[in-house]
């Protein structure tokens, strides 16, 4: 799926996914300013991971990355923060991306007022719509008037971002590296993979990651339809193709796809044993589109398309419309961001069982599963006195309070009786005001957030299925070795390079090009910056590891 498609799913799915980010630096210093490379720099230790204490889950998390699961909302909440981060006298300015509508001013916004009171700080919040974010950040990078706390989220690769962070924002290494993070116990509860996904700049820690779970794109399917047709976890690729053909009729299609999902090719490629986009080993970077496994993937997907298993309007339907077609049973599966499941649960309305596909197994191949970057973005702090930096870190620590705490409930659901009421099973259900004064429209959760948990109000069965699914796929996770790295070339030309591959996949799967023509597509990718990106990522990876 494209970055923009995943972001659009937030409005429907209720959460943002990890997408390409940025911190560990460019391999060269282009355009002036200090180098941000890790080459030759001593790498600061990652914060010591210590899980924060929230409500006991119904389904246990694992150290490997299986999420804690809650089939019902905790009956008794615990308190995560002993004292307010501020004294009531401090004022700060913060900025983040938003996918909602602008919030009412704090004086007229009960949620904003309640969070300010809980923090003991008067927070002035600037929210930037997704469509304006890159323009706003370019202006911000060039200006002198910085907010105190800035979230760089949404998956955008911003020009000279790391240079801005290094020169204008606080080096947080002394506050967060190693055991120092224990002064902020909820930040210590952020898993190490999220810090690694964020990366370092010049060997130092400059941000706080906003964690997202390990699974990347997920193929959700209609449990009844696929099971009836013989679906079994880990079934052979040949049997999967036969099942897809069998479940496709004149009015239903086994495989849903959209104009921006490109037939889910990144998911299928990893299942065929290709790298998770970028693999870096022995000082050499490999892009997945250059591999034989990728060509095998194209052949497999092309055959599925020829058999009629894919939704026929896959190159023109939007991802949002595809969701509706999945919910109403027109298509029987679709690839979406993992965190879309609560929205899908509501959209399906118990018409069928929502489930997630365990990769099929191509002959002679050990399938992998895409591991996400582990973050939505990261948050930086403007240079300030030590006392002020510590106060702002306490704010981020408060916002990272785990699920099942009073602090989490306030930030995510608001005030009981005002923003939500509890249903018969104790789940917080938004009131009309809570739909407006919400974490979407007032996105404190994009500044800092707790590690995600499996929870879908009223759908404990889905949580149980996804927890069991994660136990199968987490051991199959394949990281994208470029997470936490950057290259100047990819920063400038990454969107163009990605489009070359996506357009080539679409042309091949739809039959407008032959699989045997793929080398020409990859050669174009190399010539338009891909070769330089390969070299730069390899150099930066060596420095970071």
Protein backbone atom coordinates (compact mmCIF):
# COMPACT_ATOMS: atom_id res chain seq x y z
CA UNK A 1 0.00 0.00 0.00
CA UNK A 2 1.11 3.56 -0.56
CA UNK A 3 1.97 5.83 2.33
CA UNK A 4 -0.97 8.10 1.50
CA UNK A 5 -3.41 5.17 1.40
CA UNK A 6 -2.32 4.03 4.84
CA UNK A 7 -2.79 7.52 6.18
CA UNK A 8 -6.22 7.79 4.65
CA UNK A 9 -7.19 4.62 6.52
CA UNK A 10 -6.80 6.51 9.79
CA UNK A 11 -10.14 8.22 9.35
CA UNK A 12 -11.83 4.87 8.76
CA UNK A 13 -9.67 2.56 10.85
CA UNK A 14 -9.10 4.86 13.78
CA UNK A 15 -5.33 4.68 13.94
CA UNK A 16 -2.21 5.50 12.04
CA UNK A 17 0.25 3.00 10.77
CA UNK A 18 3.92 3.01 10.64
CA UNK A 19 5.28 4.40 7.44
CA UNK A 20 8.72 5.42 6.21
CA UNK A 21 10.56 7.81 8.51
CA UNK A 22 13.84 9.20 8.94
CA UNK A 23 15.96 9.98 11.87
CA UNK A 24 19.25 8.24 11.34
CA UNK A 25 20.78 10.43 8.98
CA UNK A 26 21.83 11.12 5.51
CA UNK A 27 25.06 9.58 4.39
CA UNK A 28 26.52 12.82 3.11
CA UNK A 29 26.23 16.47 3.89
CA UNK A 30 24.58 18.11 0.91
CA UNK A 31 23.50 21.68 0.78
CA UNK A 32 25.53 22.94 3.71
CA UNK A 33 25.17 22.44 7.43
CA UNK A 34 26.66 19.90 9.77
CA UNK A 35 26.84 16.25 8.82
CA UNK A 36 24.25 14.03 10.42
CA UNK A 37 25.83 10.71 9.48
CA UNK A 38 26.51 8.05 12.10
CA UNK A 39 29.77 7.13 10.40
CA UNK A 40 32.65 7.37 12.86
CA UNK A 41 30.34 8.29 15.76
CA UNK A 42 29.89 6.33 18.98
CA UNK A 43 26.30 5.08 19.06
CA UNK A 44 24.31 6.04 22.16
CA UNK A 45 22.71 3.08 23.94
CA UNK A 46 19.01 2.66 23.31
CA UNK A 47 16.78 3.38 26.32
CA UNK A 48 16.57 0.42 28.69
CA UNK A 49 13.23 -1.24 27.98
CA UNK A 50 11.09 -1.70 31.07
CA UNK A 51 7.41 -2.46 30.39
CA UNK A 52 5.14 0.04 32.10
CA UNK A 53 2.39 -1.26 34.36
CA UNK A 54 -1.19 -0.94 33.20
CA UNK A 55 -4.22 -3.18 33.63
CA UNK A 56 -3.53 -6.91 33.36
CA UNK A 57 -4.36 -8.07 29.83
CA UNK A 58 -6.67 -10.96 29.01
CA UNK A 59 -4.10 -12.16 26.46
CA UNK A 60 -0.44 -11.77 27.28
CA UNK A 61 2.11 -9.86 25.24
CA UNK A 62 5.43 -11.45 24.31
CA UNK A 63 8.93 -10.06 24.20
CA UNK A 64 9.05 -10.83 20.46
CA UNK A 65 6.24 -8.37 19.70
CA UNK A 66 2.87 -10.12 20.10
CA UNK A 67 0.60 -7.43 21.51
CA UNK A 68 -1.27 -7.60 24.78
CA UNK A 69 -4.93 -8.29 24.11
CA UNK A 70 -8.00 -7.00 25.94
CA UNK A 71 -11.27 -8.73 25.10
CA UNK A 72 -13.10 -6.31 27.40
CA UNK A 73 -12.24 -2.92 28.79
CA UNK A 74 -10.53 -3.09 32.21
CA UNK A 75 -12.98 -2.82 35.07
CA UNK A 76 -10.45 -1.16 37.37
CA UNK A 77 -7.97 1.40 36.13
CA UNK A 78 -4.60 2.09 37.71
CA UNK A 79 -2.75 5.38 38.04
CA UNK A 80 0.45 5.72 36.01
CA UNK A 81 1.76 9.17 36.98
CA UNK A 82 2.19 10.23 40.60
CA UNK A 83 2.52 13.98 40.01
CA UNK A 84 1.49 16.41 37.33
CA UNK A 85 4.27 17.17 34.86
CA UNK A 86 3.86 20.92 35.41
CA UNK A 87 3.04 23.28 38.25
CA UNK A 88 0.13 24.99 36.55
CA UNK A 89 2.23 28.02 35.65
CA UNK A 90 4.04 26.73 32.56
CA UNK A 91 2.96 27.37 28.99
CA UNK A 92 4.18 25.45 25.95
CA UNK A 93 3.46 25.39 22.24
CA UNK A 94 3.14 22.05 20.45
CA UNK A 95 2.59 21.02 16.84
CA UNK A 96 1.50 17.83 15.14
CA UNK A 97 -0.13 16.54 11.99
CA UNK A 98 -3.88 15.91 12.05
CA UNK A 99 -6.34 13.82 10.05
CA UNK A 100 -9.38 15.38 11.63
CA UNK A 101 -10.98 18.81 11.81
CA UNK A 102 -9.49 21.78 13.73
CA UNK A 103 -10.42 21.65 17.42
CA UNK A 104 -12.32 24.39 19.18
CA UNK A 105 -10.09 26.74 21.20
CA UNK A 106 -9.01 25.42 24.59
CA UNK A 107 -11.39 27.75 26.43
CA UNK A 108 -14.32 26.13 24.61
CA UNK A 109 -12.99 22.57 24.47
CA UNK A 110 -13.67 20.39 27.50
CA UNK A 111 -11.22 17.68 26.46
CA UNK A 112 -8.41 20.18 25.91
CA UNK A 113 -9.13 21.87 29.23
CA UNK A 114 -9.17 18.53 31.05
CA UNK A 115 -5.83 17.43 29.59
CA UNK A 116 -4.24 20.81 30.36
CA UNK A 117 -5.44 20.46 33.95
CA UNK A 118 -4.09 16.92 34.22
CA UNK A 119 -0.72 18.00 32.82
CA UNK A 120 -0.51 21.14 34.94
CA UNK A 121 0.57 22.96 31.79
CA UNK A 122 -1.19 25.39 29.47
CA UNK A 123 -0.72 23.71 26.09
CA UNK A 124 -1.18 25.77 22.95
CA UNK A 125 -1.81 23.22 20.20
CA UNK A 126 -1.21 23.81 16.49
CA UNK A 127 -2.64 21.05 14.33
CA UNK A 128 -1.56 20.83 10.68
CA UNK A 129 -3.81 19.01 8.18
CA UNK A 130 -2.17 16.13 6.37
CA UNK A 131 -2.50 17.90 3.02
CA UNK A 132 -0.56 20.93 4.32
CA UNK A 133 2.01 19.15 6.45
CA UNK A 134 5.00 19.16 4.11
CA UNK A 135 4.53 22.84 3.24
CA UNK A 136 4.12 23.79 6.89
CA UNK A 137 7.21 21.85 7.96
CA UNK A 138 9.33 23.45 5.22
CA UNK A 139 8.30 26.87 6.53
CA UNK A 140 8.94 25.76 10.11
CA UNK A 141 12.42 24.43 9.29
CA UNK A 142 13.33 27.76 7.69
CA UNK A 143 11.89 30.00 10.40
CA UNK A 144 13.00 31.17 13.82
CA UNK A 145 9.79 30.75 15.84
CA UNK A 146 9.66 27.08 16.79
CA UNK A 147 7.06 25.34 18.94
CA UNK A 148 8.42 23.73 22.10
CA UNK A 149 7.35 20.21 21.05
CA UNK A 150 7.12 19.10 17.43
CA UNK A 151 5.84 15.78 16.15
CA UNK A 152 7.31 14.74 12.80
CA UNK A 153 4.77 12.11 11.83
CA UNK A 154 2.69 10.74 9.04
CA UNK A 155 5.48 9.04 7.16
CA UNK A 156 6.69 11.98 5.12
CA UNK A 157 10.37 12.21 4.21
CA UNK A 158 11.10 15.90 4.63
CA UNK A 159 14.11 17.56 2.96
CA UNK A 160 17.02 18.14 5.37
CA UNK A 161 14.88 16.95 8.25
CA UNK A 162 17.70 15.35 10.20
CA UNK A 163 19.87 18.47 9.80
CA UNK A 164 17.04 20.56 11.24
CA UNK A 165 16.61 18.23 14.19
CA UNK A 166 20.31 18.17 14.98
CA UNK A 167 20.81 21.93 14.75
CA UNK A 168 17.56 23.24 16.27
CA UNK A 169 16.31 20.56 18.67
CA UNK A 170 17.49 19.19 21.99
CA UNK A 171 19.88 16.25 22.13
CA UNK A 172 17.96 13.94 24.46
CA UNK A 173 20.69 11.33 24.90
CA UNK A 174 21.56 12.25 28.50
CA UNK A 175 17.89 12.06 29.48
CA UNK A 176 16.89 8.87 27.68
CA UNK A 177 19.88 6.68 26.80
CA UNK A 178 20.33 3.48 28.80
CA UNK A 179 19.03 3.60 32.36
CA UNK A 180 18.50 7.38 32.25
CA UNK A 181 15.08 6.74 30.74
CA UNK A 182 13.94 5.24 34.06
CA UNK A 183 13.16 8.78 35.20
CA UNK A 184 10.35 8.55 32.64
CA UNK A 185 8.90 5.06 33.25
CA UNK A 186 6.22 5.24 30.55
CA UNK A 187 8.79 6.22 27.94
CA UNK A 188 10.87 3.29 29.19
CA UNK A 189 7.87 1.13 28.27
CA UNK A 190 8.30 1.95 24.57
CA UNK A 191 9.81 -1.21 23.01
CA UNK A 192 13.33 -1.08 21.62
CA UNK A 193 12.21 -1.79 18.04
CA UNK A 194 10.42 1.59 18.01
CA UNK A 195 13.59 3.45 19.03
CA UNK A 196 15.51 1.53 16.38
CA UNK A 197 12.89 2.38 13.78
CA UNK A 198 13.34 6.05 14.64
CA UNK A 199 17.13 5.80 14.56
CA UNK A 200 19.96 8.04 15.71
CA UNK A 201 21.48 11.24 14.36
CA UNK A 202 25.27 11.43 14.57
CA UNK A 203 25.08 8.57 17.03
CA UNK A 204 22.75 10.49 19.38
CA UNK A 205 19.09 10.24 20.41
CA UNK A 206 17.11 13.31 19.44
CA UNK A 207 13.49 12.15 19.60
CA UNK A 208 10.81 10.07 21.27
CA UNK A 209 9.13 7.53 18.95
CA UNK A 210 5.36 7.12 18.73
CA UNK A 211 5.12 3.31 18.72
CA UNK A 212 3.13 1.17 16.33
CA UNK A 213 2.88 -2.67 16.31
CA UNK A 214 5.17 -4.93 14.30
CA UNK A 215 2.76 -6.19 11.60
CA UNK A 216 2.77 -4.01 8.49
CA UNK A 217 0.15 -4.46 5.77
CA UNK A 218 -2.33 -7.20 6.64
CA UNK A 219 -4.61 -9.26 4.40
CA UNK A 220 -7.93 -9.31 6.21
CA UNK A 221 -10.48 -11.84 4.98
CA UNK A 222 -14.06 -13.02 5.30
CA UNK A 223 -13.67 -15.95 7.68
CA UNK A 224 -16.79 -17.85 6.65
CA UNK A 225 -16.16 -17.57 2.90
CA UNK A 226 -12.49 -18.55 2.98
CA UNK A 227 -12.97 -21.36 5.50
CA UNK A 228 -15.79 -22.85 3.42
CA UNK A 229 -13.43 -22.84 0.42
CA UNK A 230 -10.73 -24.68 2.34
CA UNK A 231 -8.50 -21.96 3.77
CA UNK A 232 -5.87 -23.21 6.20
CA UNK A 233 -3.06 -21.16 7.76
CA UNK A 234 0.16 -21.70 5.85
CA UNK A 235 -1.54 -23.54 2.97
CA UNK A 236 0.45 -23.95 -0.23
CA UNK A 237 0.47 -21.08 -2.72
CA UNK A 238 -1.07 -23.42 -5.28
CA UNK A 239 -3.96 -24.25 -2.94
CA UNK A 240 -4.41 -20.59 -2.08
CA UNK A 241 -4.75 -19.72 -5.76
CA UNK A 242 -7.28 -22.53 -6.23
CA UNK A 243 -9.24 -21.32 -3.22
CA UNK A 244 -9.24 -17.74 -4.57
CA UNK A 245 -10.59 -18.96 -7.89
CA UNK A 246 -13.26 -21.09 -6.22
CA UNK A 247 -14.58 -18.28 -4.03
CA UNK A 248 -14.82 -15.84 -6.95
CA UNK A 249 -18.24 -15.70 -8.59
CA UNK A 250 -20.01 -13.31 -10.95
CA UNK A 251 -20.76 -10.93 -8.07
CA UNK A 252 -18.03 -11.67 -5.50
CA UNK A 253 -14.27 -11.60 -5.80
CA UNK A 254 -11.75 -13.33 -3.57
CA UNK A 255 -9.13 -10.58 -3.63
CA UNK A 256 -9.92 -6.91 -3.19
CA UNK A 257 -7.45 -4.28 -4.34
CA UNK A 258 -7.50 -0.53 -4.91
CA UNK A 259 -5.85 2.05 -7.14
CA UNK A 260 -3.29 2.78 -4.44
CA UNK A 261 -2.79 -0.71 -3.01
CA UNK A 262 -1.27 -2.03 -6.28
CA UNK A 263 -2.69 -5.53 -5.76
CA UNK A 264 -0.91 -5.81 -2.36
CA UNK A 265 2.37 -6.64 -4.10
CA UNK A 266 4.68 -5.86 -1.16
CA UNK A 267 2.79 -8.33 1.01
CA UNK A 268 2.86 -11.08 -1.64
CA UNK A 269 6.55 -10.44 -2.35
CA UNK A 270 7.57 -11.05 1.27
CA UNK A 271 5.45 -14.20 1.33
CA UNK A 272 7.41 -15.38 -1.71
CA UNK A 273 10.68 -14.92 0.16
CA UNK A 274 11.73 -11.52 -1.23
CA UNK A 275 13.28 -8.97 1.16
CA UNK A 276 11.00 -6.58 3.01
CA UNK A 277 11.88 -3.92 0.42
CA UNK A 278 15.49 -3.26 1.53
CA UNK A 279 17.97 -5.90 2.70
CA UNK A 280 21.48 -4.81 3.67
CA UNK A 281 24.12 -7.45 4.30
CA UNK A 282 27.90 -7.61 3.97
CA UNK A 283 28.03 -3.91 3.06
CA UNK A 284 25.68 -4.44 0.13
CA UNK A 285 22.10 -3.22 -0.21
CA UNK A 286 19.53 -5.22 -2.18
CA UNK A 287 16.19 -3.80 -3.27
CA UNK A 288 13.45 -6.40 -3.39
CA UNK A 289 12.41 -5.55 -6.95
CA UNK A 290 15.76 -6.86 -8.22
CA UNK A 291 15.28 -10.41 -6.92
CA UNK A 292 14.11 -13.60 -8.59
CA UNK A 293 11.59 -13.98 -5.77
CA UNK A 294 9.99 -10.70 -6.82
CA UNK A 295 9.64 -11.88 -10.41
CA UNK A 296 8.02 -15.08 -9.13
CA UNK A 297 5.63 -12.89 -7.16
CA UNK A 298 4.66 -10.97 -10.28
CA UNK A 299 3.99 -14.24 -12.12
CA UNK A 300 1.81 -15.49 -9.26
CA UNK A 301 -0.18 -12.26 -9.03
CA UNK A 302 -0.58 -12.07 -12.81
CA UNK A 303 -2.05 -15.58 -12.81
CA UNK A 304 -4.47 -14.63 -10.04
CA UNK A 305 -5.59 -11.67 -12.11
CA UNK A 306 -5.99 -13.83 -15.24
CA UNK A 307 -8.10 -16.27 -13.23
CA UNK A 308 -10.44 -13.42 -12.28
CA UNK A 309 -9.69 -13.63 -8.55
CA UNK A 310 -8.90 -9.93 -8.20
CA UNK A 311 -11.68 -7.34 -8.12
CA UNK A 312 -11.86 -6.19 -11.76
CA UNK A 313 -11.86 -2.44 -10.97
CA UNK A 314 -8.75 -2.73 -8.79
CA UNK A 315 -6.87 -0.07 -10.74
CA UNK A 316 -9.54 2.60 -10.29
CA UNK A 317 -11.43 2.02 -7.04
CA UNK A 318 -10.28 4.00 -3.99
CA UNK A 319 -9.09 2.33 -0.81
CA UNK A 320 -11.97 3.90 1.13
CA UNK A 321 -14.53 2.50 -1.34
CA UNK A 322 -12.77 -0.86 -1.24
CA UNK A 323 -13.31 -1.01 2.51
CA UNK A 324 -17.05 -0.66 1.95
CA UNK A 325 -16.97 -3.45 -0.64
CA UNK A 326 -15.14 -5.68 1.83
CA UNK A 327 -17.56 -4.89 4.62
CA UNK A 328 -20.63 -5.64 2.48
CA UNK A 329 -19.18 -8.90 1.09
CA UNK A 330 -18.50 -7.81 -2.50
CA UNK A 331 -14.83 -8.66 -2.04
CA UNK A 332 -13.79 -11.39 0.37
CA UNK A 333 -10.37 -10.06 1.36
CA UNK A 334 -8.34 -6.88 1.24
CA UNK A 335 -4.88 -5.70 2.19
CA UNK A 336 -4.99 -2.83 4.67
CA UNK A 337 -3.01 -1.30 7.48
CA UNK A 338 -3.00 -3.58 10.52
CA UNK A 339 -4.60 -0.99 12.79
CA UNK A 340 -7.68 -0.74 10.60
CA UNK A 341 -9.30 -3.67 12.40
CA UNK A 342 -11.46 -1.71 14.91
CA UNK A 343 -13.00 0.31 12.08
CA UNK A 344 -13.56 -2.82 10.01
CA UNK A 345 -15.16 -4.56 12.98
CA UNK A 346 -17.69 -1.74 13.19
CA UNK A 347 -18.20 -1.63 9.42
CA UNK A 348 -18.84 -5.37 9.09
CA UNK A 349 -21.43 -5.32 11.90
CA UNK A 350 -21.01 -9.04 12.61
CA UNK A 351 -22.01 -10.03 9.06
CA UNK A 352 -18.99 -12.35 9.03
CA UNK A 353 -15.87 -13.12 11.05
CA UNK A 354 -13.01 -10.72 10.43
CA UNK A 355 -9.73 -12.63 10.31
CA UNK A 356 -6.15 -12.11 9.12
CA UNK A 357 -4.31 -14.34 6.67
CA UNK A 358 -1.31 -16.40 7.68
CA UNK A 359 0.99 -16.39 4.62
CA UNK A 360 0.57 -19.14 2.10
CA UNK A 361 3.72 -21.17 1.33
CA UNK A 362 5.20 -21.11 -2.18
CA UNK A 363 6.96 -24.35 -3.13
CA UNK A 364 10.54 -24.46 -1.90
CA UNK A 365 10.18 -21.14 -0.04
CA UNK A 366 10.05 -20.09 3.60
CA UNK A 367 7.60 -17.17 3.56
CA UNK A 368 8.34 -14.01 5.52
CA UNK A 369 6.06 -11.33 6.87
CA UNK A 370 6.56 -7.57 6.58
CA UNK A 371 7.73 -6.03 9.83
CA UNK A 372 6.73 -2.40 10.16
CA UNK A 373 9.04 0.43 11.11
CA UNK A 374 7.43 0.29 14.54
CA UNK A 375 6.52 3.97 14.67
CA UNK A 376 3.99 6.49 13.41
CA UNK A 377 6.61 9.20 13.71
CA UNK A 378 8.73 10.79 16.41
CA UNK A 379 8.66 13.87 18.60
CA UNK A 380 11.43 16.40 19.18
CA UNK A 381 11.89 19.21 21.69
CA UNK A 382 13.16 22.69 20.95
CA UNK A 383 16.43 23.53 22.66
CA UNK A 384 15.74 24.81 26.17
CA UNK A 385 17.05 24.80 29.73
CA UNK A 386 17.45 21.43 31.44
CA UNK A 387 14.52 22.04 33.76
CA UNK A 388 12.24 22.92 30.86
CA UNK A 389 13.40 19.92 28.82
CA UNK A 390 12.68 17.63 31.77
CA UNK A 391 9.21 19.15 32.17
CA UNK A 392 8.43 18.50 28.52
CA UNK A 393 9.72 14.93 28.79
CA UNK A 394 7.37 14.46 31.75
CA UNK A 395 4.52 15.58 29.50
CA UNK A 396 5.50 13.02 26.87
CA UNK A 397 5.81 10.43 29.63
CA UNK A 398 2.26 11.22 30.82
CA UNK A 399 0.91 10.85 27.29
CA UNK A 400 2.65 7.45 27.01
CA UNK A 401 0.77 6.05 30.03
CA UNK A 402 -0.27 2.47 29.21
CA UNK A 403 -3.69 1.08 28.38
CA UNK A 404 -5.75 0.47 31.50
CA UNK A 405 -4.60 3.61 33.31
CA UNK A 406 -6.56 6.71 34.24
CA UNK A 407 -4.20 8.82 32.17
CA UNK A 408 -4.69 6.70 29.05
CA UNK A 409 -8.47 6.86 29.39
CA UNK A 410 -8.44 10.65 29.61
CA UNK A 411 -6.19 11.18 26.60
CA UNK A 412 -7.88 8.56 24.40
CA UNK A 413 -11.53 8.75 25.46
CA UNK A 414 -11.97 11.98 27.44
CA UNK A 415 -14.21 12.53 30.44
CA UNK A 416 -16.79 9.94 31.39
CA UNK A 417 -20.31 11.32 31.06
CA UNK A 418 -19.04 14.13 28.84
CA UNK A 419 -17.07 12.50 26.06
CA UNK A 420 -18.04 8.87 26.57
CA UNK A 421 -20.47 6.58 28.33
CA UNK A 422 -19.93 2.94 29.18
CA UNK A 423 -21.91 0.18 27.52
CA UNK A 424 -23.10 -2.95 29.30
CA UNK A 425 -19.62 -4.46 28.98
CA UNK A 426 -17.86 -1.37 30.37
CA UNK A 427 -16.50 -0.27 26.98
CA UNK A 428 -16.19 3.53 26.58
CA UNK A 429 -18.52 4.60 23.78
CA UNK A 430 -18.21 8.14 22.43
CA UNK A 431 -21.01 10.65 23.00
CA UNK A 432 -21.88 13.18 20.27
CA UNK A 433 -19.47 15.62 21.93
CA UNK A 434 -16.84 12.89 22.20
CA UNK A 435 -16.94 12.40 18.45
CA UNK A 436 -15.98 16.05 18.01
CA UNK A 437 -13.70 16.58 21.00
CA UNK A 438 -11.62 13.50 20.27
CA UNK A 439 -8.06 12.24 20.02
CA UNK A 440 -8.41 12.58 16.24
CA UNK A 441 -9.28 16.27 16.27
CA UNK A 442 -7.06 17.06 19.28
CA UNK A 443 -4.18 14.65 18.59
CA UNK A 444 -2.16 14.57 21.81
CA UNK A 445 -1.62 10.91 20.93
CA UNK A 446 0.59 11.98 18.01
CA UNK A 447 2.96 13.76 20.38
CA UNK A 448 3.45 10.64 22.46
CA UNK A 449 1.47 7.48 23.01
CA UNK A 450 1.43 4.21 24.86
CA UNK A 451 2.51 1.04 23.10
CA UNK A 452 -0.51 -0.17 21.15
CA UNK A 453 -2.63 -3.04 22.45
CA UNK A 454 -5.20 -5.30 20.79
CA UNK A 455 -8.58 -3.86 21.68
CA UNK A 456 -11.80 -3.37 19.71
CA UNK A 457 -14.75 -2.29 21.89
CA UNK A 458 -17.43 -4.96 21.77
CA UNK A 459 -15.41 -7.33 19.56
CA UNK A 460 -13.46 -9.53 21.91
CA UNK A 461 -13.63 -12.42 19.43
CA UNK A 462 -11.68 -10.39 16.87
CA UNK A 463 -9.05 -9.58 19.50
CA UNK A 464 -8.69 -13.30 20.26
CA UNK A 465 -8.29 -14.18 16.56
CA UNK A 466 -5.74 -11.44 15.94
CA UNK A 467 -3.75 -12.40 19.05
CA UNK A 468 -3.59 -16.02 17.83
CA UNK A 469 -2.66 -14.77 14.35
CA UNK A 470 0.18 -12.63 15.73
CA UNK A 471 1.59 -15.64 17.52
CA UNK A 472 1.93 -17.32 14.10
CA UNK A 473 3.28 -14.38 12.07
CA UNK A 474 5.52 -12.52 14.54
CA UNK A 475 8.19 -15.27 14.30
CA UNK A 476 8.04 -14.82 10.50
CA UNK A 477 8.79 -11.08 10.66
CA UNK A 478 11.35 -9.71 8.22
CA UNK A 479 12.64 -6.19 8.97
CA UNK A 480 13.19 -3.54 6.35
CA UNK A 481 16.88 -2.80 6.87
CA UNK A 482 16.57 0.81 5.80
CA UNK A 483 14.36 1.78 8.74
CA UNK A 484 16.17 4.37 10.80
CA UNK A 485 18.45 5.20 7.87
CA UNK A 486 18.39 7.81 5.16
CA UNK A 487 20.07 8.64 1.93
CA UNK A 488 20.10 12.07 0.34
CA UNK A 489 19.07 10.56 -2.96
CA UNK A 490 16.09 8.67 -1.54
CA UNK A 491 14.96 11.73 0.42
CA UNK A 492 14.81 13.71 -2.81
CA UNK A 493 13.67 11.06 -5.27
CA UNK A 494 12.04 8.34 -3.16
CA UNK A 495 8.49 9.14 -4.26
CA UNK A 496 9.50 8.96 -7.92
CA UNK A 497 11.41 5.72 -7.39
CA UNK A 498 8.47 4.13 -5.57
CA UNK A 499 6.12 5.16 -8.37
CA UNK A 500 8.33 3.50 -11.00
CA UNK A 501 7.94 0.19 -9.18
CA UNK A 502 4.22 0.60 -8.44
CA UNK A 503 3.41 1.53 -12.02
CA UNK A 504 5.50 -1.38 -13.29
CA UNK A 505 3.69 -3.81 -11.00
CA UNK A 506 0.28 -2.54 -12.14
CA UNK A 507 1.23 -2.88 -15.80
CA UNK A 508 2.57 -6.39 -15.25
CA UNK A 509 -0.26 -7.78 -13.13
CA UNK A 510 -2.89 -6.39 -15.50
CA UNK A 511 -1.12 -7.94 -18.48
CA UNK A 512 -0.05 -4.73 -20.21
CA UNK A 513 3.58 -5.81 -19.73
CA UNK A 514 5.18 -9.23 -19.57
CA UNK A 515 6.99 -10.47 -16.49
CA UNK A 516 9.99 -10.96 -18.75
CA UNK A 517 10.06 -7.17 -19.25
CA UNK A 518 10.63 -6.51 -15.54
CA UNK A 519 14.38 -6.03 -15.88
CA UNK A 520 13.71 -2.89 -17.93
CA UNK A 521 11.55 -1.48 -15.14
CA UNK A 522 14.23 -2.15 -12.56
CA UNK A 523 16.91 -0.66 -14.81
CA UNK A 524 14.86 2.55 -15.01
CA UNK A 525 14.65 2.54 -11.20
CA UNK A 526 18.44 2.20 -10.96
CA UNK A 527 19.11 4.95 -13.48
CA UNK A 528 16.78 7.46 -11.85
CA UNK A 529 18.46 7.33 -8.43
CA UNK A 530 18.05 3.79 -7.22
CA UNK A 531 21.72 2.92 -7.66
CA UNK A 532 22.82 5.91 -5.59
CA UNK A 533 20.25 5.08 -2.90
CA UNK A 534 21.54 1.51 -2.70
CA UNK A 535 25.09 2.75 -2.14
CA UNK A 536 24.08 5.40 0.40
CA UNK A 537 21.91 3.06 2.46
CA UNK A 538 24.69 0.46 2.55
CA UNK A 539 27.18 3.03 3.83
CA UNK A 540 24.81 4.39 6.47
CA UNK A 541 23.78 0.92 7.64
CA UNK A 542 27.42 0.02 8.21
CA UNK A 543 27.87 3.16 10.32
CA UNK A 544 24.70 2.54 12.34
CA UNK A 545 25.50 -1.09 13.09
